[in-house]
All heavy atoms as atom14 arrays in JSON, in Angstrom:
{
  "sequence": "YTYKKGDPSGIGKWYMGREIAHVMGYQRM",
  "atom14_mask": [
    [1, 1, 1, 1, 1, 1, 1, 1, 1, 1, 1, 1, 0, 0],
    [1, 1, 1, 1, 1, 1, 1, 0, 0, 0, 0, 0, 0, 0],
    [1, 1, 1, 1, 1, 1, 1, 1, 1, 1, 1, 1, 0, 0],
    [1, 1, 1, 1, 1, 1, 1, 1, 1, 0, 0, 0, 0, 0],
    [1, 1, 1, 1, 1, 1, 1, 1, 1, 0, 0, 0, 0, 0],
    [1, 1, 1, 1, 0, 0, 0, 0, 0, 0, 0, 0, 0, 0],
    [1, 1, 1, 1, 1, 1, 1, 1, 0, 0, 0, 0, 0, 0],
    [1, 1, 1, 1, 1, 1, 1, 0, 0, 0, 0, 0, 0, 0],
    [1, 1, 1, 1, 1, 1, 0, 0, 0, 0, 0, 0, 0, 0],
    [1, 1, 1, 1, 0, 0, 0, 0, 0, 0, 0, 0, 0, 0],
    [1, 1, 1, 1, 1, 1, 1, 1, 0, 0, 0, 0, 0, 0],
    [1, 1, 1, 1, 0, 0, 0, 0, 0, 0, 0, 0, 0, 0],
    [1, 1, 1, 1, 1, 1, 1, 1, 1, 0, 0, 0, 0, 0],
    [1, 1, 1, 1, 1, 1, 1, 1, 1, 1, 1, 1, 1, 1],
    [1, 1, 1, 1, 1, 1, 1, 1, 1, 1, 1, 1, 0, 0],
    [1, 1, 1, 1, 1, 1, 1, 1, 0, 0, 0, 0, 0, 0],
    [1, 1, 1, 1, 0, 0, 0, 0, 0, 0, 0, 0, 0, 0],
    [1, 1, 1, 1, 1, 1, 1, 1, 1, 1, 1, 0, 0, 0],
    [1, 1, 1, 1, 1, 1, 1, 1, 1, 0, 0, 0, 0, 0],
    [1, 1, 1, 1, 1, 1, 1, 1, 0, 0, 0, 0, 0, 0],
    [1, 1, 1, 1, 1, 0, 0, 0, 0, 0, 0, 0, 0, 0],
    [1, 1, 1, 1, 1, 1, 1, 1, 1, 1, 0, 0, 0, 0],
    [1, 1, 1, 1, 1, 1, 1, 0, 0, 0, 0, 0, 0, 0],
    [1, 1, 1, 1, 1, 1, 1, 1, 0, 0, 0, 0, 0, 0],
    [1, 1, 1, 1, 0, 0, 0, 0, 0, 0, 0, 0, 0, 0],
    [1, 1, 1, 1, 1, 1, 1, 1, 1, 1, 1, 1, 0, 0],
    [1, 1, 1, 1, 1, 1, 1, 1, 1, 0, 0, 0, 0, 0],
    [1, 1, 1, 1, 1, 1, 1, 1, 1, 1, 1, 0, 0, 0],
    [1, 1, 1, 1, 1, 1, 1, 1, 0, 0, 0, 0, 0, 0]
  ],
  "atom14_positions": [
    [[201.35, -16.6, 174.37], [200.79, -17.33, 175.52], [200.93, -18.82, 175.39], [200.81, -19.35, 174.3], [199.35, -16.95, 175.76], [199.15, -15.47, 175.83], [198.44, -14.78, 174.8], [199.66, -14.72, 176.93], [198.3, -13.39, 174.86], [199.45, -13.37, 176.98], [198.81, -12.68, 175.99], [198.65, -11.36, 176.05], [0.0, 0.0, 0.0], [0.0, 0.0, 0.0]],
    [[201.13, -19.51, 176.48], [201.08, -20.95, 176.6], [200.14, -21.39, 177.67], [199.82, -20.62, 178.57], [202.53, -21.58, 176.82], [203.03, -20.99, 178.06], [203.47, -21.22, 175.72], [0.0, 0.0, 0.0], [0.0, 0.0, 0.0], [0.0, 0.0, 0.0], [0.0, 0.0, 0.0], [0.0, 0.0, 0.0], [0.0, 0.0, 0.0], [0.0, 0.0, 0.0]],
    [[199.72, -22.66, 177.59], [198.79, -23.13, 178.58], [199.23, -24.41, 179.15], [199.64, -25.35, 178.47], [197.4, -23.35, 177.91], [196.85, -22.1, 177.24], [197.27, -21.69, 175.98], [195.89, -21.31, 177.9], [196.75, -20.55, 175.39], [195.42, -20.15, 177.37], [195.86, -19.74, 176.09], [195.37, -18.58, 175.54], [0.0, 0.0, 0.0], [0.0, 0.0, 0.0]],
    [[199.2, -24.56, 180.5], [199.55, -25.74, 181.18], [199.04, -25.62, 182.61], [198.72, -24.57, 183.09], [201.08, -25.95, 181.14], [201.86, -24.87, 181.8], [203.4, -25.1, 181.63], [204.17, -23.91, 182.15], [205.66, -24.18, 182.07], [0.0, 0.0, 0.0], [0.0, 0.0, 0.0], [0.0, 0.0, 0.0], [0.0, 0.0, 0.0], [0.0, 0.0, 0.0]],
    [[199.05, -26.79, 183.32], [198.66, -26.73, 184.68], [199.65, -26.05, 185.54], [200.91, -26.18, 185.29], [198.51, -28.19, 185.17], [197.07, -28.55, 185.7], [196.98, -29.95, 186.12], [195.63, -30.25, 186.81], [195.5, -31.6, 187.26], [0.0, 0.0, 0.0], [0.0, 0.0, 0.0], [0.0, 0.0, 0.0], [0.0, 0.0, 0.0], [0.0, 0.0, 0.0]],
    [[199.18, -25.35, 186.56], [200.13, -24.56, 187.38], [199.62, -24.43, 188.85], [199.02, -25.38, 189.39], [0.0, 0.0, 0.0], [0.0, 0.0, 0.0], [0.0, 0.0, 0.0], [0.0, 0.0, 0.0], [0.0, 0.0, 0.0], [0.0, 0.0, 0.0], [0.0, 0.0, 0.0], [0.0, 0.0, 0.0], [0.0, 0.0, 0.0], [0.0, 0.0, 0.0]],
    [[199.81, -23.25, 189.34], [199.42, -22.91, 190.7], [197.87, -22.87, 190.82], [197.19, -22.38, 189.94], [200.07, -21.58, 191.05], [199.95, -21.27, 192.55], [198.85, -20.98, 193.02], [201.01, -21.29, 193.21], [0.0, 0.0, 0.0], [0.0, 0.0, 0.0], [0.0, 0.0, 0.0], [0.0, 0.0, 0.0], [0.0, 0.0, 0.0], [0.0, 0.0, 0.0]],
    [[197.28, -23.25, 191.95], [195.83, -23.12, 192.14], [195.34, -21.68, 192.11], [194.2, -21.44, 191.74], [195.57, -23.7, 193.56], [196.74, -24.63, 193.74], [197.89, -23.98, 193.05], [0.0, 0.0, 0.0], [0.0, 0.0, 0.0], [0.0, 0.0, 0.0], [0.0, 0.0, 0.0], [0.0, 0.0, 0.0], [0.0, 0.0, 0.0], [0.0, 0.0, 0.0]],
    [[196.23, -20.78, 192.35], [195.86, -19.31, 192.27], [195.94, -18.78, 190.81], [195.64, -17.64, 190.57], [196.81, -18.51, 193.2], [196.67, -18.85, 194.54], [0.0, 0.0, 0.0], [0.0, 0.0, 0.0], [0.0, 0.0, 0.0], [0.0, 0.0, 0.0], [0.0, 0.0, 0.0], [0.0, 0.0, 0.0], [0.0, 0.0, 0.0], [0.0, 0.0, 0.0]],
    [[196.42, -19.63, 189.86], [196.51, -19.17, 188.51], [195.48, -19.68, 187.58], [194.67, -20.53, 187.97], [0.0, 0.0, 0.0], [0.0, 0.0, 0.0], [0.0, 0.0, 0.0], [0.0, 0.0, 0.0], [0.0, 0.0, 0.0], [0.0, 0.0, 0.0], [0.0, 0.0, 0.0], [0.0, 0.0, 0.0], [0.0, 0.0, 0.0], [0.0, 0.0, 0.0]],
    [[195.45, -19.21, 186.37], [194.43, -19.57, 185.37], [194.93, -20.58, 184.4], [194.17, -20.9, 183.4], [193.89, -18.3, 184.71], [194.97, -17.67, 183.82], [193.3, -17.31, 185.71], [194.41, -16.54, 182.88], [0.0, 0.0, 0.0], [0.0, 0.0, 0.0], [0.0, 0.0, 0.0], [0.0, 0.0, 0.0], [0.0, 0.0, 0.0], [0.0, 0.0, 0.0]],
    [[196.17, -21.06, 184.53], [196.72, -22.05, 183.67], [197.17, -21.47, 182.36], [197.42, -22.16, 181.38], [0.0, 0.0, 0.0], [0.0, 0.0, 0.0], [0.0, 0.0, 0.0], [0.0, 0.0, 0.0], [0.0, 0.0, 0.0], [0.0, 0.0, 0.0], [0.0, 0.0, 0.0], [0.0, 0.0, 0.0], [0.0, 0.0, 0.0], [0.0, 0.0, 0.0]],
    [[197.34, -20.11, 182.36], [197.86, -19.45, 181.18], [199.07, -18.74, 181.52], [199.22, -18.02, 182.56], [196.73, -18.42, 180.7], [197.07, -17.69, 179.43], [195.89, -16.75, 179.08], [196.16, -15.97, 177.82], [195.02, -15.16, 177.43], [0.0, 0.0, 0.0], [0.0, 0.0, 0.0], [0.0, 0.0, 0.0], [0.0, 0.0, 0.0], [0.0, 0.0, 0.0]],
    [[200.12, -18.81, 180.66], [201.49, -18.31, 181.0], [201.9, -17.33, 179.94], [201.66, -17.39, 178.8], [202.5, -19.47, 181.01], [202.14, -20.51, 182.02], [201.11, -21.44, 182.02], [202.85, -20.84, 183.26], [201.12, -22.21, 183.09], [202.16, -21.87, 183.88], [204.0, -20.22, 183.85], [202.61, -22.39, 185.08], [204.4, -20.77, 185.05], [203.71, -21.82, 185.65]],
    [[202.6, -16.23, 180.51], [203.18, -15.21, 179.61], [204.6, -14.94, 179.98], [204.91, -14.59, 181.1], [202.32, -13.93, 179.71], [202.88, -12.79, 178.86], [202.96, -12.88, 177.54], [203.37, -11.62, 179.5], [203.44, -11.85, 176.74], [203.86, -10.55, 178.71], [203.92, -10.7, 177.31], [204.38, -9.64, 176.59], [0.0, 0.0, 0.0], [0.0, 0.0, 0.0]],
    [[205.52, -15.21, 179.03], [206.93, -15.0, 179.28], [207.42, -15.65, 180.58], [208.22, -15.11, 181.36], [207.24, -13.52, 179.3], [206.82, -12.82, 177.99], [207.46, -11.1, 177.82], [209.19, -11.4, 177.42], [0.0, 0.0, 0.0], [0.0, 0.0, 0.0], [0.0, 0.0, 0.0], [0.0, 0.0, 0.0], [0.0, 0.0, 0.0], [0.0, 0.0, 0.0]],
    [[206.99, -16.83, 180.8], [207.44, -17.69, 181.95], [206.71, -17.4, 183.22], [206.99, -17.98, 184.31], [0.0, 0.0, 0.0], [0.0, 0.0, 0.0], [0.0, 0.0, 0.0], [0.0, 0.0, 0.0], [0.0, 0.0, 0.0], [0.0, 0.0, 0.0], [0.0, 0.0, 0.0], [0.0, 0.0, 0.0], [0.0, 0.0, 0.0], [0.0, 0.0, 0.0]],
    [[205.68, -16.52, 183.2], [204.87, -16.14, 184.43], [203.47, -16.61, 184.22], [202.84, -16.42, 183.25], [204.91, -14.69, 184.61], [204.02, -14.25, 185.73], [204.0, -12.69, 185.82], [203.49, -12.05, 184.66], [202.18, -11.78, 184.42], [201.29, -12.17, 185.27], [201.82, -11.2, 183.3], [0.0, 0.0, 0.0], [0.0, 0.0, 0.0], [0.0, 0.0, 0.0]],
    [[202.99, -17.38, 185.25], [201.54, -17.71, 185.17], [200.65, -16.58, 185.63], [200.98, -15.88, 186.66], [201.31, -19.02, 186.07], [199.84, -19.47, 185.9], [199.52, -20.72, 186.76], [200.38, -21.14, 187.6], [198.45, -21.33, 186.57], [0.0, 0.0, 0.0], [0.0, 0.0, 0.0], [0.0, 0.0, 0.0], [0.0, 0.0, 0.0], [0.0, 0.0, 0.0]],
    [[199.66, -16.36, 184.94], [198.72, -15.3, 185.19], [197.78, -15.66, 186.36], [197.28, -16.8, 186.39], [197.94, -14.94, 183.93], [198.8, -14.39, 182.81], [196.81, -13.86, 184.24], [198.23, -14.36, 181.42], [0.0, 0.0, 0.0], [0.0, 0.0, 0.0], [0.0, 0.0, 0.0], [0.0, 0.0, 0.0], [0.0, 0.0, 0.0], [0.0, 0.0, 0.0]],
    [[197.59, -14.77, 187.28], [196.76, -15.07, 188.45], [195.32, -14.77, 188.21], [194.95, -14.03, 187.3], [197.25, -14.2, 189.61], [0.0, 0.0, 0.0], [0.0, 0.0, 0.0], [0.0, 0.0, 0.0], [0.0, 0.0, 0.0], [0.0, 0.0, 0.0], [0.0, 0.0, 0.0], [0.0, 0.0, 0.0], [0.0, 0.0, 0.0], [0.0, 0.0, 0.0]],
    [[194.47, -15.44, 189.01], [193.03, -15.16, 188.98], [192.78, -13.75, 189.42], [193.43, -13.15, 190.26], [192.31, -16.11, 189.95], [192.03, -17.49, 189.4], [191.2, -17.72, 188.33], [192.6, -18.71, 189.74], [191.13, -19.02, 188.06], [192.04, -19.65, 188.88], [0.0, 0.0, 0.0], [0.0, 0.0, 0.0], [0.0, 0.0, 0.0], [0.0, 0.0, 0.0]],
    [[191.76, -13.15, 188.87], [191.36, -11.74, 189.22], [190.69, -11.85, 190.61], [189.93, -12.73, 190.9], [190.32, -11.25, 188.21], [189.75, -9.87, 188.7], [190.99, -11.05, 186.83], [0.0, 0.0, 0.0], [0.0, 0.0, 0.0], [0.0, 0.0, 0.0], [0.0, 0.0, 0.0], [0.0, 0.0, 0.0], [0.0, 0.0, 0.0], [0.0, 0.0, 0.0]],
    [[191.03, -10.83, 191.42], [190.39, -10.69, 192.75], [188.95, -10.14, 192.53], [188.79, -9.07, 191.95], [191.17, -9.78, 193.66], [190.59, -9.82, 195.1], [191.36, -8.49, 196.13], [190.36, -7.08, 195.57], [0.0, 0.0, 0.0], [0.0, 0.0, 0.0], [0.0, 0.0, 0.0], [0.0, 0.0, 0.0], [0.0, 0.0, 0.0], [0.0, 0.0, 0.0]],
    [[187.95, -10.86, 192.9], [186.56, -10.53, 192.68], [186.13, -9.37, 193.54], [186.65, -9.03, 194.57], [0.0, 0.0, 0.0], [0.0, 0.0, 0.0], [0.0, 0.0, 0.0], [0.0, 0.0, 0.0], [0.0, 0.0, 0.0], [0.0, 0.0, 0.0], [0.0, 0.0, 0.0], [0.0, 0.0, 0.0], [0.0, 0.0, 0.0], [0.0, 0.0, 0.0]],
    [[185.04, -8.8, 193.02], [184.45, -7.66, 193.79], [184.01, -8.0, 195.17], [183.78, -7.13, 195.99], [183.22, -7.16, 192.93], [182.06, -8.03, 192.92], [181.01, -7.92, 193.9], [181.88, -8.98, 191.95], [179.91, -8.77, 193.89], [180.8, -9.9, 191.93], [179.85, -9.76, 192.88], [178.75, -10.63, 192.93], [0.0, 0.0, 0.0], [0.0, 0.0, 0.0]],
    [[183.78, -9.33, 195.41], [183.35, -9.77, 196.74], [184.38, -9.36, 197.86], [183.97, -9.25, 199.04], [183.17, -11.28, 196.78], [182.03, -11.75, 195.84], [182.55, -12.03, 194.42], [183.7, -11.66, 194.04], [181.67, -12.73, 193.63], [0.0, 0.0, 0.0], [0.0, 0.0, 0.0], [0.0, 0.0, 0.0], [0.0, 0.0, 0.0], [0.0, 0.0, 0.0]],
    [[185.61, -9.07, 197.46], [186.62, -8.62, 198.43], [186.88, -7.18, 198.36], [187.89, -6.69, 198.82], [187.93, -9.42, 198.13], [187.84, -10.93, 198.3], [189.21, -11.5, 198.4], [189.96, -11.08, 199.52], [191.31, -11.24, 199.66], [191.96, -11.79, 198.68], [191.94, -10.84, 200.72], [0.0, 0.0, 0.0], [0.0, 0.0, 0.0], [0.0, 0.0, 0.0]],
    [[185.87, -6.41, 198.0], [186.0, -5.03, 197.85], [186.4, -4.34, 199.19], [187.14, -3.39, 199.23], [184.65, -4.37, 197.33], [184.76, -2.99, 196.86], [183.12, -2.34, 196.37], [182.64, -3.47, 195.08], [0.0, 0.0, 0.0], [0.0, 0.0, 0.0], [0.0, 0.0, 0.0], [0.0, 0.0, 0.0], [0.0, 0.0, 0.0], [0.0, 0.0, 0.0]]
  ]
}
């Protein structure tokens, strides 16, 4: 993993060139 600023929908953590997205919360059940 690497860490850098990215998309607002992401957590700033990257894996194999892909930024990991925020989890969709239970509020959108």
